[in-house]
Amino acid sequence: MTMAFDSDTLNSIYTSTQGFCHRCRRKLAFSRFGCDDGRGAWDIDAVRPHPKVLALLPGCLRCVQKPTPRRLPKCAPAPAITDDRPAPAAEEAQAEPPAPAEPPISDTALVGGAAGAVLGGLWGAVLGGLIAIGLQLWG
């Protein structure tokens, strides 16, 4: 399904990253939007920085055509791993399991900080990063 965008919307998407691919930071050419190949050709990449938000960002054709690695949701069960080791001894079975480690803060803080910097300068970057961390920890 191809969506048609007016020139103001395309210009807004293109300038959201100052004319660079949002993944690999290659320089894009505004006039090469929708071209099949070539230097500076780009297309729109729909990104979900948060489950309820859809962001449209420019991406070079190499990055847009590559599949994005998907992360498992926090509530998803860990995949079952089978091994050929014998069952643990009785004394090892009675030991308490280790406490689960806290998930590391991923690049959501960077995305939030970058979005805040575009909208509000230095203070927007700080606030955007903090909001992104809060959404990740409590969202």
N, C-alpha and C. Protein backbone atom coordinates (compact mmCIF):
# COMPACT_ATOMS: atom_id res chain seq x y z
N MET A 1 0.84 -1.17 0.00
CA MET A 1 0.00 0.00 0.00
C MET A 1 0.88 1.24 0.00
N THR A 2 0.72 2.08 -0.99
CA THR A 2 1.53 3.29 -1.10
C THR A 2 0.70 4.48 -0.63
N MET A 3 1.32 5.28 0.22
CA MET A 3 0.65 6.46 0.73
C MET A 3 1.19 7.68 0.00
N ALA A 4 0.31 8.61 -0.31
CA ALA A 4 0.72 9.84 -0.97
C ALA A 4 0.91 10.91 0.10
N PHE A 5 2.01 11.64 0.01
CA PHE A 5 2.32 12.70 0.95
C PHE A 5 2.44 14.00 0.17
N ASP A 6 1.93 15.09 0.74
CA ASP A 6 2.11 16.38 0.09
C ASP A 6 3.53 16.88 0.37
N SER A 7 3.94 17.92 -0.33
CA SER A 7 5.34 18.38 -0.23
C SER A 7 5.67 18.92 1.16
N ASP A 8 4.69 19.52 1.86
CA ASP A 8 4.97 20.01 3.22
C ASP A 8 5.24 18.86 4.17
N THR A 9 4.47 17.78 4.07
CA THR A 9 4.68 16.62 4.93
C THR A 9 6.02 15.97 4.62
N LEU A 10 6.35 15.81 3.32
CA LEU A 10 7.64 15.24 2.95
C LEU A 10 8.79 16.10 3.47
N ASN A 11 8.65 17.42 3.35
CA ASN A 11 9.69 18.32 3.83
C ASN A 11 9.85 18.20 5.34
N SER A 12 8.74 18.07 6.06
CA SER A 12 8.79 17.92 7.51
C SER A 12 9.49 16.62 7.91
N ILE A 13 9.18 15.53 7.22
CA ILE A 13 9.82 14.24 7.50
C ILE A 13 11.31 14.31 7.18
N TYR A 14 11.64 14.90 6.03
CA TYR A 14 13.04 15.00 5.60
C TYR A 14 13.86 15.84 6.58
N THR A 15 13.32 16.96 7.01
CA THR A 15 14.08 17.85 7.90
C THR A 15 14.10 17.37 9.35
N SER A 16 13.29 16.36 9.70
CA SER A 16 13.29 15.88 11.08
C SER A 16 14.65 15.32 11.48
N THR A 17 15.44 14.87 10.51
CA THR A 17 16.80 14.39 10.78
C THR A 17 17.84 15.19 10.01
N GLN A 18 17.51 16.40 9.60
CA GLN A 18 18.37 17.29 8.84
C GLN A 18 18.84 16.66 7.53
N GLY A 19 18.02 15.79 6.95
CA GLY A 19 18.34 15.20 5.65
C GLY A 19 19.25 14.00 5.71
N PHE A 20 19.33 13.33 6.86
CA PHE A 20 20.15 12.14 7.00
C PHE A 20 19.26 10.95 7.32
N CYS A 21 19.72 9.75 6.95
CA CYS A 21 19.02 8.52 7.30
C CYS A 21 19.00 8.40 8.82
N HIS A 22 17.87 8.05 9.38
CA HIS A 22 17.76 7.99 10.83
C HIS A 22 18.47 6.78 11.42
N ARG A 23 18.84 5.80 10.61
CA ARG A 23 19.55 4.62 11.12
C ARG A 23 21.06 4.70 10.92
N CYS A 24 21.50 4.95 9.69
CA CYS A 24 22.94 4.88 9.39
C CYS A 24 23.57 6.25 9.20
N ARG A 25 22.78 7.31 9.22
CA ARG A 25 23.25 8.70 9.11
C ARG A 25 23.86 9.03 7.75
N ARG A 26 23.47 8.32 6.68
CA ARG A 26 23.89 8.69 5.33
C ARG A 26 23.12 9.93 4.90
N LYS A 27 23.73 10.76 4.09
CA LYS A 27 23.08 11.96 3.57
C LYS A 27 22.08 11.57 2.50
N LEU A 28 20.89 12.15 2.57
CA LEU A 28 19.83 11.87 1.62
C LEU A 28 19.57 13.10 0.75
N ALA A 29 19.05 12.88 -0.44
CA ALA A 29 18.70 13.98 -1.34
C ALA A 29 17.18 14.09 -1.38
N PHE A 30 16.67 15.27 -1.06
CA PHE A 30 15.22 15.47 -1.00
C PHE A 30 14.56 15.10 -2.33
N SER A 31 15.19 15.43 -3.44
CA SER A 31 14.61 15.18 -4.76
C SER A 31 14.61 13.70 -5.13
N ARG A 32 15.31 12.86 -4.36
CA ARG A 32 15.41 11.43 -4.68
C ARG A 32 14.41 10.59 -3.88
N PHE A 33 13.36 11.21 -3.32
CA PHE A 33 12.35 10.47 -2.56
C PHE A 33 11.62 9.50 -3.48
N GLY A 34 11.50 8.25 -3.04
CA GLY A 34 10.75 7.25 -3.79
C GLY A 34 11.46 6.66 -4.98
N CYS A 35 12.71 7.04 -5.23
CA CYS A 35 13.46 6.45 -6.35
C CYS A 35 13.85 5.02 -6.00
N ASP A 36 14.01 4.20 -7.04
CA ASP A 36 14.32 2.79 -6.81
C ASP A 36 15.73 2.56 -6.30
N ASP A 37 16.66 3.34 -6.76
CA ASP A 37 18.05 3.17 -6.32
C ASP A 37 18.82 4.44 -6.62
N GLY A 38 20.08 4.42 -6.29
CA GLY A 38 20.92 5.56 -6.59
C GLY A 38 21.35 6.29 -5.33
N ARG A 39 22.26 7.17 -5.53
CA ARG A 39 22.84 7.93 -4.43
C ARG A 39 21.80 8.91 -3.86
N GLY A 40 21.62 8.88 -2.57
CA GLY A 40 20.72 9.80 -1.90
C GLY A 40 19.25 9.40 -1.96
N ALA A 41 18.93 8.24 -2.56
CA ALA A 41 17.54 7.81 -2.63
C ALA A 41 17.05 7.43 -1.24
N TRP A 42 15.79 7.78 -0.95
CA TRP A 42 15.27 7.51 0.38
C TRP A 42 13.78 7.23 0.32
N ASP A 43 13.30 6.69 1.43
CA ASP A 43 11.88 6.41 1.58
C ASP A 43 11.51 6.68 3.03
N ILE A 44 10.25 6.60 3.34
CA ILE A 44 9.79 6.88 4.69
C ILE A 44 9.77 5.58 5.48
N ASP A 45 10.33 5.62 6.67
CA ASP A 45 10.39 4.48 7.57
C ASP A 45 9.47 4.76 8.75
N ALA A 46 8.51 3.89 8.99
CA ALA A 46 7.60 4.04 10.12
C ALA A 46 8.22 3.34 11.33
N VAL A 47 8.47 4.10 12.37
CA VAL A 47 9.15 3.60 13.55
C VAL A 47 8.21 3.74 14.74
N ARG A 48 8.24 2.78 15.64
CA ARG A 48 7.44 2.83 16.86
C ARG A 48 8.36 3.01 18.06
N PRO A 49 8.65 4.27 18.46
CA PRO A 49 9.48 4.48 19.65
C PRO A 49 8.74 4.10 20.93
N HIS A 50 7.42 4.04 20.87
CA HIS A 50 6.59 3.65 22.01
C HIS A 50 5.41 2.90 21.42
N PRO A 51 4.83 1.94 22.14
CA PRO A 51 3.75 1.14 21.55
C PRO A 51 2.56 1.96 21.04
N LYS A 52 2.32 3.14 21.59
CA LYS A 52 1.18 3.94 21.17
C LYS A 52 1.54 5.07 20.21
N VAL A 53 2.81 5.14 19.78
CA VAL A 53 3.28 6.24 18.95
C VAL A 53 3.86 5.67 17.66
N LEU A 54 3.56 6.31 16.54
CA LEU A 54 4.15 5.96 15.25
C LEU A 54 4.87 7.18 14.72
N ALA A 55 6.16 7.06 14.47
CA ALA A 55 6.96 8.17 13.95
C ALA A 55 7.35 7.87 12.51
N LEU A 56 7.25 8.86 11.66
CA LEU A 56 7.67 8.73 10.27
C LEU A 56 9.01 9.43 10.12
N LEU A 57 10.05 8.67 9.76
CA LEU A 57 11.40 9.19 9.65
C LEU A 57 11.99 8.82 8.30
N PRO A 58 12.90 9.65 7.77
CA PRO A 58 13.52 9.31 6.49
C PRO A 58 14.59 8.24 6.68
N GLY A 59 14.67 7.34 5.71
CA GLY A 59 15.69 6.29 5.76
C GLY A 59 16.17 5.98 4.36
N CYS A 60 17.48 5.68 4.26
CA CYS A 60 18.01 5.29 2.95
C CYS A 60 17.42 3.93 2.56
N LEU A 61 17.51 3.58 1.31
CA LEU A 61 16.87 2.36 0.84
C LEU A 61 17.48 1.12 1.47
N ARG A 62 18.78 1.14 1.74
CA ARG A 62 19.41 -0.02 2.39
C ARG A 62 18.79 -0.29 3.75
N CYS A 63 18.63 0.77 4.54
CA CYS A 63 18.12 0.61 5.90
C CYS A 63 16.63 0.32 5.92
N VAL A 64 15.87 0.93 5.03
CA VAL A 64 14.42 0.73 5.03
C VAL A 64 14.07 -0.68 4.59
N GLN A 65 14.87 -1.25 3.67
CA GLN A 65 14.57 -2.59 3.18
C GLN A 65 15.07 -3.69 4.10
N LYS A 66 15.99 -3.35 5.05
CA LYS A 66 16.44 -4.34 6.01
C LYS A 66 15.38 -4.52 7.08
N PRO A 67 15.12 -5.75 7.50
CA PRO A 67 14.15 -5.93 8.59
C PRO A 67 14.75 -5.44 9.91
N THR A 68 13.91 -4.79 10.70
CA THR A 68 14.34 -4.30 12.01
C THR A 68 14.26 -5.45 13.01
N PRO A 69 15.30 -5.65 13.81
CA PRO A 69 15.20 -6.72 14.81
C PRO A 69 14.12 -6.38 15.82
N ARG A 70 13.28 -7.35 16.10
CA ARG A 70 12.17 -7.13 17.03
C ARG A 70 12.57 -7.59 18.43
N ARG A 71 12.19 -6.79 19.40
CA ARG A 71 12.46 -7.13 20.79
C ARG A 71 11.24 -7.81 21.38
N LEU A 72 11.48 -8.75 22.28
CA LEU A 72 10.39 -9.40 22.97
C LEU A 72 9.81 -8.45 24.00
N PRO A 73 8.51 -8.44 24.20
CA PRO A 73 7.95 -7.61 25.25
C PRO A 73 8.43 -8.08 26.62
N LYS A 74 8.37 -7.18 27.61
CA LYS A 74 8.86 -7.51 28.94
C LYS A 74 8.10 -8.67 29.55
N CYS A 75 6.83 -8.82 29.21
CA CYS A 75 6.02 -9.86 29.83
C CYS A 75 6.12 -11.20 29.09
N ALA A 76 6.85 -11.28 28.00
CA ALA A 76 6.97 -12.52 27.24
C ALA A 76 7.82 -13.52 28.00
N PRO A 77 7.43 -14.79 27.99
CA PRO A 77 8.24 -15.80 28.68
C PRO A 77 9.55 -16.02 27.95
N ALA A 78 10.56 -16.38 28.71
CA ALA A 78 11.86 -16.67 28.12
C ALA A 78 11.76 -17.95 27.30
N PRO A 79 12.45 -18.02 26.18
CA PRO A 79 12.40 -19.24 25.38
C PRO A 79 13.01 -20.40 26.15
N ALA A 80 12.44 -21.57 25.96
CA ALA A 80 12.92 -22.76 26.66
C ALA A 80 14.25 -23.20 26.07
N ILE A 81 15.21 -23.44 26.95
CA ILE A 81 16.53 -23.89 26.52
C ILE A 81 16.73 -25.29 27.09
N THR A 82 16.97 -26.22 26.20
CA THR A 82 17.19 -27.59 26.66
C THR A 82 18.67 -27.91 26.54
N ASP A 83 19.15 -28.62 27.52
CA ASP A 83 20.54 -29.07 27.47
C ASP A 83 20.61 -30.51 27.95
N ASP A 84 21.76 -31.14 27.77
CA ASP A 84 21.93 -32.55 28.08
C ASP A 84 22.57 -32.77 29.44
N ARG A 85 22.57 -31.76 30.31
CA ARG A 85 23.18 -31.93 31.62
C ARG A 85 22.26 -32.74 32.51
N PRO A 86 22.83 -33.48 33.45
CA PRO A 86 21.99 -34.24 34.38
C PRO A 86 21.28 -33.29 35.35
N ALA A 87 20.23 -33.80 35.99
CA ALA A 87 19.46 -33.00 36.95
C ALA A 87 20.37 -32.61 38.11
N PRO A 88 20.16 -31.41 38.71
CA PRO A 88 21.02 -30.98 39.81
C PRO A 88 20.82 -31.84 41.04
N ALA A 89 21.85 -31.88 41.88
CA ALA A 89 21.80 -32.66 43.12
C ALA A 89 20.75 -32.06 44.04
N ALA A 90 20.35 -32.82 45.09
CA ALA A 90 19.28 -32.40 46.00
C ALA A 90 19.63 -31.11 46.71
N GLU A 91 20.90 -30.94 47.12
CA GLU A 91 21.26 -29.73 47.85
C GLU A 91 21.26 -28.51 46.95
N GLU A 92 21.59 -28.68 45.69
CA GLU A 92 21.54 -27.57 44.75
C GLU A 92 20.11 -27.18 44.43
N ALA A 93 19.19 -28.14 44.44
CA ALA A 93 17.79 -27.87 44.12
C ALA A 93 17.13 -27.05 45.23
N GLN A 94 17.62 -27.16 46.48
CA GLN A 94 17.02 -26.43 47.59
C GLN A 94 17.51 -25.00 47.67
N ALA A 95 18.58 -24.66 46.98
CA ALA A 95 19.12 -23.30 47.02
C ALA A 95 18.13 -22.33 46.38
N GLU A 96 18.12 -21.08 46.86
CA GLU A 96 17.22 -20.08 46.32
C GLU A 96 17.67 -19.67 44.92
N PRO A 97 16.73 -19.44 44.02
CA PRO A 97 17.12 -18.96 42.69
C PRO A 97 17.62 -17.52 42.80
N PRO A 98 18.53 -17.13 41.93
CA PRO A 98 19.04 -15.75 41.99
C PRO A 98 17.94 -14.76 41.63
N ALA A 99 18.05 -13.57 42.21
CA ALA A 99 17.08 -12.51 41.93
C ALA A 99 17.21 -12.08 40.47
N PRO A 100 16.10 -11.79 39.80
CA PRO A 100 16.19 -11.37 38.40
C PRO A 100 16.89 -10.01 38.30
N ALA A 101 17.75 -9.91 37.31
CA ALA A 101 18.47 -8.65 37.10
C ALA A 101 17.54 -7.63 36.47
N GLU A 102 17.75 -6.36 36.78
CA GLU A 102 16.93 -5.31 36.19
C GLU A 102 17.32 -5.14 34.72
N PRO A 103 16.35 -4.89 33.86
CA PRO A 103 16.69 -4.71 32.45
C PRO A 103 17.50 -3.44 32.26
N PRO A 104 18.50 -3.48 31.39
CA PRO A 104 19.31 -2.28 31.17
C PRO A 104 18.50 -1.21 30.44
N ILE A 105 18.87 0.02 30.70
CA ILE A 105 18.23 1.14 30.01
C ILE A 105 18.76 1.11 28.58
N SER A 106 17.86 0.92 27.64
CA SER A 106 18.30 0.81 26.24
C SER A 106 18.35 2.19 25.59
N ASP A 107 18.32 2.17 24.31
CA ASP A 107 18.48 3.41 23.56
C ASP A 107 17.23 4.27 23.54
N THR A 108 16.19 3.91 24.31
CA THR A 108 15.00 4.76 24.35
C THR A 108 15.31 6.11 24.96
N ALA A 109 16.26 6.15 25.90
CA ALA A 109 16.63 7.44 26.49
C ALA A 109 17.28 8.33 25.43
N LEU A 110 18.07 7.73 24.54
CA LEU A 110 18.70 8.51 23.49
C LEU A 110 17.67 9.04 22.49
N VAL A 111 16.69 8.19 22.15
CA VAL A 111 15.65 8.62 21.23
C VAL A 111 14.82 9.73 21.86
N GLY A 112 14.46 9.56 23.13
CA GLY A 112 13.69 10.60 23.82
C GLY A 112 14.48 11.88 23.94
N GLY A 113 15.77 11.76 24.25
CA GLY A 113 16.60 12.96 24.35
C GLY A 113 16.76 13.66 23.02
N ALA A 114 16.89 12.89 21.94
CA ALA A 114 17.02 13.52 20.62
C ALA A 114 15.72 14.22 20.22
N ALA A 115 14.59 13.57 20.49
CA ALA A 115 13.31 14.19 20.16
C ALA A 115 13.11 15.45 21.00
N GLY A 116 13.49 15.39 22.28
CA GLY A 116 13.36 16.56 23.14
C GLY A 116 14.28 17.68 22.70
N ALA A 117 15.48 17.34 22.22
CA ALA A 117 16.43 18.36 21.76
C ALA A 117 15.90 19.08 20.53
N VAL A 118 15.25 18.33 19.64
CA VAL A 118 14.69 18.96 18.44
C VAL A 118 13.57 19.92 18.82
N LEU A 119 12.77 19.52 19.80
CA LEU A 119 11.62 20.34 20.17
C LEU A 119 11.95 21.43 21.18
N GLY A 120 12.90 21.16 22.12
CA GLY A 120 13.08 22.12 23.19
C GLY A 120 14.51 22.43 23.55
N GLY A 121 15.46 22.16 22.69
CA GLY A 121 16.85 22.50 22.98
C GLY A 121 17.43 21.64 24.10
N LEU A 122 18.33 22.22 24.88
CA LEU A 122 19.04 21.48 25.93
C LEU A 122 18.08 20.95 26.99
N TRP A 123 17.18 21.80 27.47
CA TRP A 123 16.26 21.35 28.51
C TRP A 123 15.27 20.32 27.96
N GLY A 124 14.92 20.44 26.71
CA GLY A 124 14.05 19.45 26.08
C GLY A 124 14.73 18.10 25.97
N ALA A 125 16.05 18.11 25.71
CA ALA A 125 16.80 16.85 25.62
C ALA A 125 16.82 16.15 26.97
N VAL A 126 17.07 16.92 28.02
CA VAL A 126 17.11 16.32 29.37
C VAL A 126 15.73 15.78 29.73
N LEU A 127 14.71 16.58 29.52
CA LEU A 127 13.35 16.16 29.87
C LEU A 127 12.90 14.98 28.99
N GLY A 128 13.23 15.01 27.71
CA GLY A 128 12.85 13.91 26.81
C GLY A 128 13.53 12.61 27.21
N GLY A 129 14.80 12.67 27.60
CA GLY A 129 15.50 11.47 28.05
C GLY A 129 14.89 10.90 29.32
N LEU A 130 14.55 11.78 30.25
CA LEU A 130 13.94 11.33 31.50
C LEU A 130 12.56 10.73 31.27
N ILE A 131 11.79 11.33 30.40
CA ILE A 131 10.47 10.78 30.10
C ILE A 131 10.61 9.41 29.44
N ALA A 132 11.57 9.26 28.52
CA ALA A 132 11.77 7.97 27.86
C ALA A 132 12.19 6.89 28.84
N ILE A 133 13.06 7.24 29.79
CA ILE A 133 13.46 6.25 30.81
C ILE A 133 12.26 5.89 31.67
N GLY A 134 11.47 6.88 32.05
CA GLY A 134 10.29 6.60 32.85
C GLY A 134 9.30 5.70 32.12
N LEU A 135 9.09 5.94 30.82
CA LEU A 135 8.20 5.10 30.06
C LEU A 135 8.71 3.66 29.96
N GLN A 136 10.02 3.52 29.86
CA GLN A 136 10.58 2.18 29.75
C GLN A 136 10.48 1.44 31.08
N LEU A 137 10.75 2.14 32.17
CA LEU A 137 10.73 1.48 33.47
C LEU A 137 9.33 1.20 33.97
N TRP A 138 8.39 2.11 33.74
CA TRP A 138 7.07 1.96 34.30
C TRP A 138 5.99 1.76 33.26
N GLY A 139 6.39 1.67 31.98
CA GLY A 139 5.40 1.58 30.91
C GLY A 139 5.05 0.23 30.52
